[in-house]
Amino acid sequence: MSDRLSVFKTYKLYVGGKFPRSESGRVYEVTDPKGKWLANAPQSSRKDARDAVVAARKAFGGWSGATAYNRGQILYRVAEMLEGRKDQFVREVADAEGLSKSKAAAVVDAAIDRWVWYAGWTDKIAQVVGGGNPVAGPFFNLSTPEPTGVVTVLAPQESSFLGLVSVIAPVIATGNTVIVIASEKSPLPALSLGEVLATSDLPGGVVNVLSGRTAEIAAPLAAHQDVNAIDLAGADDVLAKELEIAAADNLKRVLRPQAVDYVEAPGIDRLTAFLETKTVWHPTGSLGASGSSY
């Protein structure tokens, strides 16, 4: 019917597997590159940031303790759900980045492919960066990678979806939990990604999505004592320096911003960026002439 009212989408945060509005009740206008109004996005507060840390910490034990194979299956399920909602993301990426529909579709396809790529790495990265170390003595010396913990990620400002996926997927693939600060000017694809994650098999709290003023949200997260690492991908030079100083207070691992072409095939740098190496010594027993005590 021609007189039917449009139903506008209400975008919300994604924290702990739920969709709260900002604790402050604030929103801000999101527009396309030409200034056309797209939606009101929630403007997160410091309280929202603290709530996201609590949710991420609560989820860390179960997620890091899951088998690598299981994490890979869940990431692949996310890719499946993205494929099913591809039209929505094409529209949102086109609006956010001022792209034609065909170019936006190529971006979304690349983002889905990247989820699949990282899903395949979950049970392989340990074989690449871990292993047995040669030592002088009757010992096994084994190095194995373990997740760093709770990671804050400042999503890229310009690449609202492909860049977003490129910084989230490797963090959770290796067993970390994450608080994502969406692109300040183009947060809608990130907020919609939260809806996909909620309907996949990803446990609540593994990924938490906040939108709003990047500097305002990032400052308390950089200083938070229960955040173990921070990725400054979406920070400018001035903000990155401020956050790096704040992060030093509890010796957070910091990934500094760098020029990245997210269209290019990723390496494993972001997979290893938030891994710690645990080395274990174990006696082999008395070695006989055959080289074994068994």
Foldseek 3Di string as FASTA:
>chain_A
DVPDDDDADDFAWAAQLDGDAAPVNDWDFAFFPVRHTRYTYGAHAQVLLVRLLVSQQVCQVVLQPDALLVLLVLLLQLLVLCVVVVVVQLVLQCRHQVHDSVVSSVLSVLLSVVSNVLSVCLNPVQVVPWAWDDDPDQKTKTKGKGFQEEEEEEFAQNSQGLSNSVQLNLNSSRRYAYEYEGRANRRVSVSVSSVSSSPTPNGGSSYTYHYHDVLRNLQCVLQDLSHAAYECQHDDPVSQVNSVVNNPPNDHQYHGHDDDDSSDDDDCCSNCSRIDMDMDMDGQPDQDPVGHPD
